[in-house]
Amino acid sequence: MMPELRLATRGSELALTQTQWVARELRRAHPGLTVTVVTIESSGDRDRNSPVAALTEMGAFVRSLQYALVDGRVDAAVHSCKDLPTESPEGVTIAAFPQRANPFDVLVGSRLDDLDRGAVVGTGSPRRRSQLAVLRPDLEFVELRGNVDTRIRKVHDGEVAAAVLAAAGVERLGRGSDVAQEFTLETMIPAPAQGSLAVETIAGTDALELVAAIDDPRVRVVTEVERLLLSETGAGCRSALAAYAVAGDRSITMHGFNDDDKGPRRAVVTGASGKAAVAALIEELRL
């Protein structure tokens, strides 16, 4: 067994919190293993001006970590799966999808029904904006940059009336008391793979075998289905596409949403396999 596993992460508080959790899971799976966290600044972290959706679509939050893997500077890298492009550099593979956190979105500052008419809500996500506009077409939306704490502070400071955040990040950082409302599948379908972590390694290495011990097969099934939809449609974070998969004993059910020049559309489909469910959702949403 490798005496040490070097685990790469971005330097944000959320990324470090997630990676420390992965490190603990690895130590639990492999008693005696030394796991060293290596912080790497991504180009997305350096860019303070571009919209988050555009940076995510370019892979700006993950490429630096993947290059460190390829160069041999680290043995594994931890990503928020919704930031991870469906194509990775040659030789890089997802060794584990660990236990999934809460996949849904939350509203900080006020419940949706309590917001004043014309209230300003902070979110740069086309997916969130489109689904909120269906529920409250009177609302206005602004881009909200910064980490979880910064976005919550902007709500408390009155810069916006409310902000939409991923529940996983809020809960991982212990800010659950700031949540005014958690959205459901009926109100806001999450981004594909939201709440999931992906731990990448180089294929065929000892690191892959070590990391694979924390893979959750149930999470892998649904996360790969949601990512397959992204791959098949070529949709990125600048689209309004939303998807959430549920695995049954012999089927996959997918909840989906999209909004484009055809207007907002929702669908729920079931397929005998992930591929069949994705094909059915593409047809129903007219993607």
Protein backbone atom coordinates (compact mmCIF):
# COMPACT_ATOMS: atom_id res chain seq x y z
CA MET A 1 0.00 0.00 0.00
CA MET A 2 1.13 3.56 -0.71
CA PRO A 3 2.59 5.13 2.46
CA GLU A 4 1.06 8.51 1.57
CA LEU A 5 -1.79 9.75 -0.60
CA ARG A 6 -1.51 13.35 -1.80
CA LEU A 7 -5.03 14.77 -2.18
CA ALA A 8 -5.51 17.92 -4.27
CA THR A 9 -8.16 20.55 -3.60
CA ARG A 10 -9.01 24.14 -4.37
CA GLY A 11 -8.31 26.58 -1.57
CA SER A 12 -11.83 27.78 -0.78
CA GLU A 13 -13.27 27.01 2.64
CA LEU A 14 -15.91 24.76 1.10
CA ALA A 15 -13.40 22.87 -1.05
CA LEU A 16 -11.10 22.35 1.94
CA THR A 17 -14.01 21.19 4.12
CA GLN A 18 -15.09 18.68 1.47
CA THR A 19 -11.56 17.42 0.97
CA GLN A 20 -10.92 17.01 4.69
CA TRP A 21 -14.09 14.90 4.83
CA VAL A 22 -12.79 12.75 1.95
CA ALA A 23 -9.44 12.43 3.74
CA ARG A 24 -11.19 11.17 6.88
CA GLU A 25 -13.16 8.63 4.85
CA LEU A 26 -9.95 7.38 3.24
CA ARG A 27 -8.20 7.04 6.60
CA ARG A 28 -11.22 5.15 7.93
CA ALA A 29 -11.14 2.80 4.94
CA HIS A 30 -7.35 2.35 5.17
CA PRO A 31 -6.11 2.55 8.79
CA GLY A 32 -2.51 3.72 8.84
CA LEU A 33 -2.71 5.56 5.52
CA THR A 34 -1.25 9.07 5.56
CA VAL A 35 -3.40 11.48 3.58
CA THR A 36 -1.85 14.86 2.82
CA VAL A 37 -4.07 17.66 1.51
CA VAL A 38 -2.43 19.77 -1.22
CA THR A 39 -4.05 23.13 -2.00
CA ILE A 40 -3.93 24.26 -5.63
CA GLU A 41 -5.29 27.58 -6.87
CA SER A 42 -7.49 27.26 -9.94
CA SER A 43 -7.88 29.79 -12.73
CA GLY A 44 -11.51 30.13 -11.67
CA ASP A 45 -10.43 31.21 -8.20
CA ARG A 46 -8.13 33.86 -9.69
CA ASP A 47 -10.81 35.27 -12.01
CA ARG A 48 -12.95 37.64 -9.92
CA ASN A 49 -14.88 39.16 -12.82
CA SER A 50 -16.29 36.45 -15.11
CA PRO A 51 -19.72 34.93 -14.34
CA VAL A 52 -19.45 31.72 -12.32
CA ALA A 53 -21.51 29.80 -14.90
CA ALA A 54 -19.07 30.72 -17.67
CA LEU A 55 -16.04 29.73 -15.57
CA THR A 56 -17.61 26.40 -14.63
CA GLU A 57 -18.42 25.60 -18.24
CA MET A 58 -14.77 26.18 -19.18
CA GLY A 59 -13.62 23.83 -16.42
CA ALA A 60 -11.83 26.72 -14.75
CA PHE A 61 -12.35 25.30 -11.26
CA VAL A 62 -10.95 21.83 -12.01
CA ARG A 63 -8.31 21.92 -14.75
CA SER A 64 -5.42 23.00 -12.50
CA LEU A 65 -6.13 20.03 -10.22
CA GLN A 66 -6.31 17.63 -13.16
CA TYR A 67 -3.01 18.90 -14.56
CA ALA A 68 -1.41 18.34 -11.14
CA LEU A 69 -2.61 14.73 -11.36
CA VAL A 70 -1.20 14.25 -14.84
CA ASP A 71 2.11 15.85 -13.82
CA GLY A 72 2.41 13.53 -10.81
CA ARG A 73 2.36 16.33 -8.23
CA VAL A 74 -0.64 14.74 -6.50
CA ASP A 75 -2.22 11.28 -6.40
CA ALA A 76 -5.91 12.21 -6.30
CA ALA A 77 -8.10 15.30 -6.66
CA VAL A 78 -11.44 16.20 -5.07
CA HIS A 79 -14.04 18.12 -7.09
CA SER A 80 -17.60 19.29 -6.64
CA CYS A 81 -19.07 17.06 -9.30
CA LYS A 82 -21.30 19.73 -10.81
CA ASP A 83 -18.13 21.73 -11.63
CA LEU A 84 -16.52 18.77 -13.41
CA PRO A 85 -16.69 18.67 -17.23
CA THR A 86 -17.85 15.36 -18.70
CA GLU A 87 -14.50 14.93 -20.47
CA SER A 88 -11.24 14.71 -18.51
CA PRO A 89 -7.59 14.69 -19.65
CA GLU A 90 -6.33 11.38 -21.01
CA GLY A 91 -5.58 8.89 -18.24
CA VAL A 92 -7.63 10.71 -15.59
CA THR A 93 -10.60 8.78 -14.21
CA ILE A 94 -13.19 9.15 -11.46
CA ALA A 95 -12.16 6.60 -8.85
CA ALA A 96 -14.96 7.39 -6.40
CA PHE A 97 -18.28 9.11 -6.01
CA PRO A 98 -18.53 9.13 -2.19
CA GLN A 99 -21.75 9.55 -0.23
CA ARG A 100 -23.87 12.32 -1.76
CA ALA A 101 -24.83 15.38 0.26
CA ASN A 102 -28.17 17.17 -0.01
CA PRO A 103 -28.62 17.70 -3.78
CA PHE A 104 -31.23 20.46 -3.61
CA ASP A 105 -31.11 24.26 -3.55
CA VAL A 106 -31.99 26.56 -0.67
CA LEU A 107 -33.13 30.15 -0.35
CA VAL A 108 -31.36 32.37 2.18
CA GLY A 109 -32.95 35.57 3.45
CA SER A 110 -36.64 34.90 2.93
CA ARG A 111 -39.11 32.28 1.84
CA LEU A 112 -40.10 32.64 -1.80
CA ASP A 113 -43.73 33.48 -1.02
CA ASP A 114 -42.66 36.19 1.43
CA LEU A 115 -40.49 38.16 -1.01
CA ASP A 116 -41.88 41.55 -2.01
CA ARG A 117 -43.00 42.05 -5.59
CA GLY A 118 -39.97 42.93 -7.72
CA ALA A 119 -37.51 41.79 -5.04
CA VAL A 120 -33.90 41.26 -6.12
CA VAL A 121 -32.60 37.70 -5.75
CA GLY A 122 -28.93 36.84 -6.01
CA THR A 123 -28.07 34.01 -8.40
CA GLY A 124 -26.05 33.86 -11.60
CA SER A 125 -27.32 30.41 -12.55
CA PRO A 126 -29.60 30.33 -15.63
CA ARG A 127 -31.12 27.12 -14.25
CA ARG A 128 -32.09 28.74 -10.97
CA ARG A 129 -33.26 31.96 -12.60
CA SER A 130 -35.50 30.15 -15.07
CA GLN A 131 -37.18 27.95 -12.48
CA LEU A 132 -37.67 30.85 -10.08
CA ALA A 133 -39.13 32.96 -12.89
CA VAL A 134 -41.76 30.28 -13.47
CA LEU A 135 -42.76 30.49 -9.80
CA ARG A 136 -42.31 34.26 -9.38
CA PRO A 137 -42.11 36.07 -12.74
CA ASP A 138 -42.00 39.44 -10.93
CA LEU A 139 -38.59 38.85 -9.35
CA GLU A 140 -35.34 40.42 -10.53
CA PHE A 141 -32.02 38.55 -10.56
CA VAL A 142 -28.40 39.64 -10.19
CA GLU A 143 -25.10 37.78 -10.37
CA LEU A 144 -23.72 37.01 -6.91
CA ARG A 145 -20.00 36.19 -6.73
CA GLY A 146 -18.11 35.00 -3.67
CA ASN A 147 -17.99 32.01 -1.36
CA VAL A 148 -20.92 30.76 0.70
CA ASP A 149 -20.23 33.07 3.65
CA THR A 150 -19.84 36.09 1.35
CA ARG A 151 -23.13 35.41 -0.41
CA ILE A 152 -24.97 34.98 2.87
CA ARG A 153 -23.42 38.19 4.20
CA LYS A 154 -24.63 40.09 1.12
CA VAL A 155 -28.16 38.98 1.97
CA HIS A 156 -27.82 40.09 5.59
CA ASP A 157 -26.30 43.42 4.45
CA GLY A 158 -29.31 44.08 2.22
CA GLU A 159 -27.50 43.94 -1.14
CA VAL A 160 -30.14 41.43 -2.23
CA ALA A 161 -33.42 40.34 -0.67
CA ALA A 162 -32.50 36.67 -0.92
CA ALA A 163 -29.97 34.34 -2.53
CA VAL A 164 -30.15 30.84 -3.93
CA LEU A 165 -27.38 28.47 -2.85
CA ALA A 166 -26.69 24.75 -3.06
CA ALA A 167 -27.85 23.08 0.14
CA ALA A 168 -24.74 20.87 0.18
CA GLY A 169 -22.36 23.80 0.54
CA VAL A 170 -24.47 25.58 3.14
CA GLU A 171 -24.79 22.44 5.25
CA ARG A 172 -21.15 21.38 4.90
CA LEU A 173 -20.08 24.76 6.27
CA GLY A 174 -22.54 24.64 9.16
CA ARG A 175 -24.69 27.53 7.92
CA GLY A 176 -27.99 25.66 7.95
CA SER A 177 -29.53 28.15 10.37
CA ASP A 178 -29.41 30.78 7.59
CA VAL A 179 -31.73 28.77 5.34
CA ALA A 180 -35.24 30.22 4.97
CA GLN A 181 -36.52 27.60 2.52
CA GLU A 182 -35.34 24.37 0.92
CA PHE A 183 -36.60 23.78 -2.58
CA THR A 184 -38.06 20.43 -3.60
CA LEU A 185 -38.24 18.54 -6.88
CA GLU A 186 -41.61 20.19 -7.45
CA THR A 187 -40.22 23.72 -7.08
CA MET A 188 -36.60 23.59 -8.31
CA ILE A 189 -34.83 20.63 -9.88
CA PRO A 190 -31.09 20.72 -9.08
CA ALA A 191 -28.15 20.84 -11.47
CA PRO A 192 -26.95 17.46 -12.73
CA ALA A 193 -24.63 15.86 -10.12
CA GLN A 194 -25.26 18.63 -7.55
CA GLY A 195 -24.32 17.50 -4.05
CA SER A 196 -21.98 14.79 -5.35
CA LEU A 197 -18.21 14.80 -4.99
CA ALA A 198 -15.90 13.21 -7.54
CA VAL A 199 -12.44 11.97 -6.57
CA GLU A 200 -10.19 11.61 -9.61
CA THR A 201 -6.97 9.62 -9.96
CA ILE A 202 -4.80 8.35 -12.78
CA ALA A 203 -6.14 5.09 -14.21
CA GLY A 204 -4.31 1.90 -13.25
CA THR A 205 -2.52 3.33 -10.21
CA ASP A 206 -2.36 2.26 -6.57
CA ALA A 207 -4.13 5.52 -5.76
CA LEU A 208 -7.15 4.43 -7.78
CA GLU A 209 -7.45 1.22 -5.76
CA LEU A 210 -7.20 3.14 -2.49
CA VAL A 211 -9.76 5.77 -3.46
CA ALA A 212 -12.19 3.22 -4.92
CA ALA A 213 -12.79 1.96 -1.37
CA ILE A 214 -14.93 5.04 -0.62
CA ASP A 215 -17.01 4.81 -3.80
CA ASP A 216 -20.76 4.57 -3.17
CA PRO A 217 -22.28 2.42 -5.95
CA ARG A 218 -25.74 3.95 -5.47
CA VAL A 219 -24.36 7.46 -5.84
CA ARG A 220 -22.29 6.42 -8.86
CA VAL A 221 -25.35 5.08 -10.68
CA VAL A 222 -27.44 8.24 -10.43
CA THR A 223 -24.56 10.70 -10.79
CA GLU A 224 -23.29 9.00 -13.95
CA VAL A 225 -26.82 9.09 -15.39
CA GLU A 226 -27.11 12.82 -14.69
CA ARG A 227 -23.66 13.41 -16.22
CA LEU A 228 -24.62 11.30 -19.24
CA LEU A 229 -27.42 13.77 -19.93
CA LEU A 230 -24.85 16.59 -19.98
CA SER A 231 -22.60 14.60 -22.28
CA GLU A 232 -25.40 13.68 -24.69
CA THR A 233 -26.76 17.23 -24.94
CA GLY A 234 -23.53 19.20 -24.70
CA ALA A 235 -25.23 21.42 -22.14
CA GLY A 236 -23.06 23.48 -19.82
CA CYS A 237 -23.59 25.71 -16.81
CA ARG A 238 -24.76 28.56 -19.03
CA SER A 239 -27.82 26.50 -20.00
CA ALA A 240 -30.93 26.18 -17.83
CA LEU A 241 -30.85 22.37 -17.93
CA ALA A 242 -31.69 20.66 -14.63
CA ALA A 243 -31.84 16.95 -13.87
CA TYR A 244 -32.19 14.59 -10.95
CA ALA A 245 -32.11 10.79 -11.21
CA VAL A 246 -33.62 8.23 -8.85
CA ALA A 247 -32.59 4.57 -9.10
CA GLY A 248 -35.22 1.88 -8.65
CA ASP A 249 -34.71 -1.88 -8.53
CA ARG A 250 -34.95 -2.25 -12.30
CA SER A 251 -35.38 1.27 -13.60
CA ILE A 252 -34.14 4.85 -13.50
CA THR A 253 -36.53 7.78 -13.08
CA MET A 254 -35.34 11.23 -14.15
CA HIS A 255 -36.82 14.61 -13.31
CA GLY A 256 -35.80 17.30 -15.78
CA PHE A 257 -36.24 20.96 -16.66
CA ASN A 258 -35.00 23.21 -19.44
CA ASP A 259 -35.68 26.72 -20.66
CA ASP A 260 -34.66 28.15 -24.02
CA ASP A 261 -36.32 29.84 -27.00
CA LYS A 262 -39.02 27.14 -26.83
CA GLY A 263 -39.94 28.28 -23.31
CA PRO A 264 -39.69 26.53 -19.91
CA ARG A 265 -40.43 22.79 -19.88
CA ARG A 266 -40.57 20.10 -17.17
CA ALA A 267 -40.69 16.34 -17.54
CA VAL A 268 -40.51 13.13 -15.52
CA VAL A 269 -39.51 9.93 -17.33
CA THR A 270 -38.63 6.35 -16.41
CA GLY A 271 -36.34 4.02 -18.33
CA ALA A 272 -35.14 0.45 -17.93
CA SER A 273 -31.56 1.79 -17.89
CA GLY A 274 -29.80 5.07 -17.40
CA LYS A 275 -29.21 5.40 -21.12
CA ALA A 276 -32.89 4.77 -21.84
CA ALA A 277 -33.98 7.31 -19.23
CA VAL A 278 -31.63 9.94 -20.65
CA ALA A 279 -32.92 9.33 -24.18
CA ALA A 280 -36.51 9.65 -22.98
CA LEU A 281 -35.79 12.87 -21.10
CA ILE A 282 -34.06 14.39 -24.13
CA GLU A 283 -37.15 13.61 -26.19
CA GLU A 284 -39.63 14.92 -23.61
CA LEU A 285 -37.71 18.15 -23.04
CA ARG A 286 -37.09 18.58 -26.78
CA LEU A 287 -33.37 19.07 -26.25
